[in-house]
């Protein structure tokens, strides 16, 4: 699962996101989903979420 479908992402899920400041490098940050910020059912660059740490980024990978 690559994080482009909103239905795949739930609160409490462990994910890897790209933060806005890391978009150039593609550096991933891991964390737990606190809020889902994207309203549309899908987004080509990944669903935007807020992690429990307060960081906001787009989901690139969903950890099992």
N, C-alpha and C. Protein backbone atom coordinates (compact mmCIF):
# COMPACT_ATOMS: atom_id res chain seq x y z
N UNK A 1 0.85 -1.19 0.00
CA UNK A 1 0.00 0.00 0.00
C UNK A 1 0.89 1.25 0.00
N UNK A 2 0.61 2.13 -0.92
CA UNK A 2 1.49 3.28 -1.13
C UNK A 2 0.98 4.59 -0.55
N UNK A 3 -0.20 4.59 0.07
CA UNK A 3 -0.65 5.81 0.73
C UNK A 3 -1.38 6.81 -0.15
N UNK A 4 -1.78 6.39 -1.36
CA UNK A 4 -2.49 7.33 -2.23
C UNK A 4 -4.01 7.24 -2.08
N UNK A 5 -4.51 6.19 -1.39
CA UNK A 5 -5.96 6.04 -1.19
C UNK A 5 -6.32 6.32 0.27
N UNK A 6 -7.25 7.23 0.48
CA UNK A 6 -7.66 7.63 1.82
C UNK A 6 -8.23 6.45 2.61
N UNK A 7 -8.91 5.53 1.92
CA UNK A 7 -9.54 4.38 2.59
C UNK A 7 -8.52 3.43 3.22
N UNK A 8 -7.26 3.47 2.78
CA UNK A 8 -6.21 2.61 3.34
C UNK A 8 -5.64 3.16 4.64
N UNK A 9 -5.93 4.42 4.96
CA UNK A 9 -5.27 5.10 6.08
C UNK A 9 -6.26 5.32 7.22
N UNK A 10 -5.86 4.89 8.42
CA UNK A 10 -6.71 5.04 9.60
C UNK A 10 -5.89 5.69 10.72
N UNK A 11 -6.58 6.30 11.67
CA UNK A 11 -5.90 6.86 12.84
C UNK A 11 -5.22 5.71 13.59
N UNK A 12 -4.02 5.98 14.12
CA UNK A 12 -3.30 4.98 14.88
C UNK A 12 -2.40 4.08 14.05
N UNK A 13 -2.44 4.24 12.71
CA UNK A 13 -1.62 3.43 11.82
C UNK A 13 -0.20 3.98 11.76
N UNK A 14 0.79 3.09 11.70
CA UNK A 14 2.18 3.51 11.55
C UNK A 14 2.47 3.71 10.06
N UNK A 15 2.96 4.90 9.72
CA UNK A 15 3.21 5.23 8.31
C UNK A 15 4.56 5.94 8.16
N UNK A 16 5.03 6.00 6.93
CA UNK A 16 6.20 6.81 6.57
C UNK A 16 5.71 7.94 5.69
N UNK A 17 6.07 9.17 6.04
CA UNK A 17 5.61 10.34 5.30
C UNK A 17 6.80 11.16 4.82
N UNK A 18 6.56 11.97 3.78
CA UNK A 18 7.53 12.97 3.35
C UNK A 18 7.02 14.31 3.85
N UNK A 19 7.81 14.98 4.68
CA UNK A 19 7.44 16.30 5.18
C UNK A 19 7.68 17.33 4.09
N UNK A 20 7.02 18.48 4.19
CA UNK A 20 7.15 19.56 3.20
C UNK A 20 8.63 19.93 3.01
N UNK A 21 9.35 20.07 4.12
CA UNK A 21 10.76 20.48 4.03
C UNK A 21 11.65 19.41 3.41
N UNK A 22 11.17 18.15 3.35
CA UNK A 22 11.96 17.05 2.81
C UNK A 22 11.54 16.63 1.41
N UNK A 23 10.64 17.40 0.77
CA UNK A 23 10.15 17.00 -0.55
C UNK A 23 11.26 16.95 -1.59
N UNK A 24 12.25 17.83 -1.49
CA UNK A 24 13.37 17.84 -2.44
C UNK A 24 14.18 16.55 -2.35
N UNK A 25 14.45 16.10 -1.11
CA UNK A 25 15.30 14.93 -0.91
C UNK A 25 14.51 13.63 -0.89
N UNK A 26 13.22 13.70 -0.54
CA UNK A 26 12.41 12.48 -0.44
C UNK A 26 12.63 11.73 0.86
N UNK A 27 13.27 12.37 1.84
CA UNK A 27 13.54 11.74 3.14
C UNK A 27 12.23 11.38 3.84
N UNK A 28 12.14 10.13 4.32
CA UNK A 28 10.92 9.66 4.97
C UNK A 28 11.01 9.84 6.49
N UNK A 29 9.87 10.17 7.09
CA UNK A 29 9.75 10.30 8.54
C UNK A 29 8.66 9.33 8.97
N UNK A 30 8.98 8.50 9.98
CA UNK A 30 8.00 7.53 10.44
C UNK A 30 7.22 8.07 11.62
N UNK A 31 5.95 7.65 11.72
CA UNK A 31 5.14 8.08 12.84
C UNK A 31 3.78 7.43 12.83
N UNK A 32 2.96 7.80 13.81
CA UNK A 32 1.60 7.27 13.97
C UNK A 32 0.61 8.34 13.51
N UNK A 33 -0.38 7.96 12.70
CA UNK A 33 -1.38 8.90 12.18
C UNK A 33 -2.27 9.40 13.32
N UNK A 34 -2.34 10.73 13.46
CA UNK A 34 -3.25 11.35 14.43
C UNK A 34 -4.50 11.86 13.71
N UNK A 35 -4.31 12.60 12.60
CA UNK A 35 -5.43 13.15 11.82
C UNK A 35 -5.17 12.94 10.34
N UNK A 36 -6.25 12.72 9.59
CA UNK A 36 -6.17 12.65 8.12
C UNK A 36 -6.63 14.01 7.60
N UNK A 37 -5.76 14.70 6.86
CA UNK A 37 -6.03 16.07 6.43
C UNK A 37 -6.58 16.18 5.01
N UNK A 38 -6.35 15.16 4.18
CA UNK A 38 -6.86 15.18 2.80
C UNK A 38 -8.31 14.71 2.81
N UNK A 39 -9.19 15.49 2.18
CA UNK A 39 -10.61 15.12 2.14
C UNK A 39 -10.97 14.25 0.95
N UNK A 40 -10.24 14.37 -0.15
CA UNK A 40 -10.58 13.60 -1.35
C UNK A 40 -10.24 12.11 -1.13
N UNK A 41 -10.92 11.20 -1.85
CA UNK A 41 -10.70 9.76 -1.65
C UNK A 41 -9.32 9.27 -2.10
N UNK A 42 -8.65 10.04 -2.96
CA UNK A 42 -7.31 9.64 -3.43
C UNK A 42 -6.51 10.89 -3.77
N UNK A 43 -5.18 10.76 -3.70
CA UNK A 43 -4.29 11.86 -4.09
C UNK A 43 -3.03 11.25 -4.68
N UNK A 44 -2.60 11.68 -5.87
CA UNK A 44 -1.46 11.04 -6.54
C UNK A 44 -0.13 11.15 -5.78
N UNK A 45 0.02 12.17 -4.93
CA UNK A 45 1.28 12.33 -4.19
C UNK A 45 1.21 11.77 -2.78
N UNK A 46 0.07 11.19 -2.41
CA UNK A 46 -0.10 10.62 -1.08
C UNK A 46 -1.08 11.44 -0.26
N UNK A 47 -1.77 10.77 0.64
CA UNK A 47 -2.75 11.42 1.51
C UNK A 47 -2.00 12.22 2.57
N UNK A 48 -2.43 13.46 2.80
CA UNK A 48 -1.77 14.31 3.79
C UNK A 48 -2.31 13.98 5.18
N UNK A 49 -1.39 13.75 6.12
CA UNK A 49 -1.77 13.40 7.50
C UNK A 49 -0.97 14.22 8.50
N UNK A 50 -1.51 14.32 9.72
CA UNK A 50 -0.77 14.87 10.84
C UNK A 50 -0.38 13.70 11.73
N UNK A 51 0.91 13.61 12.06
CA UNK A 51 1.39 12.55 12.93
C UNK A 51 1.17 12.94 14.39
N UNK A 52 1.27 11.97 15.30
CA UNK A 52 1.12 12.26 16.73
C UNK A 52 2.18 13.23 17.21
N UNK A 53 3.31 13.31 16.51
CA UNK A 53 4.38 14.25 16.86
C UNK A 53 4.03 15.68 16.46
N UNK A 54 2.94 15.85 15.67
CA UNK A 54 2.53 17.17 15.21
C UNK A 54 3.02 17.50 13.82
N UNK A 55 3.90 16.67 13.26
CA UNK A 55 4.44 16.91 11.92
C UNK A 55 3.37 16.56 10.88
N UNK A 56 3.39 17.29 9.76
CA UNK A 56 2.42 17.09 8.68
C UNK A 56 3.18 16.68 7.42
N UNK A 57 2.70 15.62 6.77
CA UNK A 57 3.34 15.19 5.53
C UNK A 57 2.42 14.29 4.74
N UNK A 58 2.90 13.88 3.56
CA UNK A 58 2.12 13.00 2.70
C UNK A 58 2.62 11.56 2.86
N UNK A 59 1.66 10.64 2.99
CA UNK A 59 1.99 9.23 3.22
C UNK A 59 2.63 8.62 1.97
N UNK A 60 3.79 8.02 2.15
CA UNK A 60 4.48 7.34 1.06
C UNK A 60 4.46 5.83 1.26
N UNK A 61 4.37 5.38 2.52
CA UNK A 61 4.41 3.95 2.79
C UNK A 61 3.61 3.67 4.06
N UNK A 62 2.85 2.58 4.04
CA UNK A 62 2.09 2.17 5.21
C UNK A 62 2.80 0.95 5.80
N UNK A 63 3.21 1.05 7.06
CA UNK A 63 3.90 -0.04 7.73
C UNK A 63 2.87 -0.99 8.35
N UNK A 64 3.15 -2.28 8.27
CA UNK A 64 2.21 -3.27 8.81
C UNK A 64 2.34 -3.41 10.31
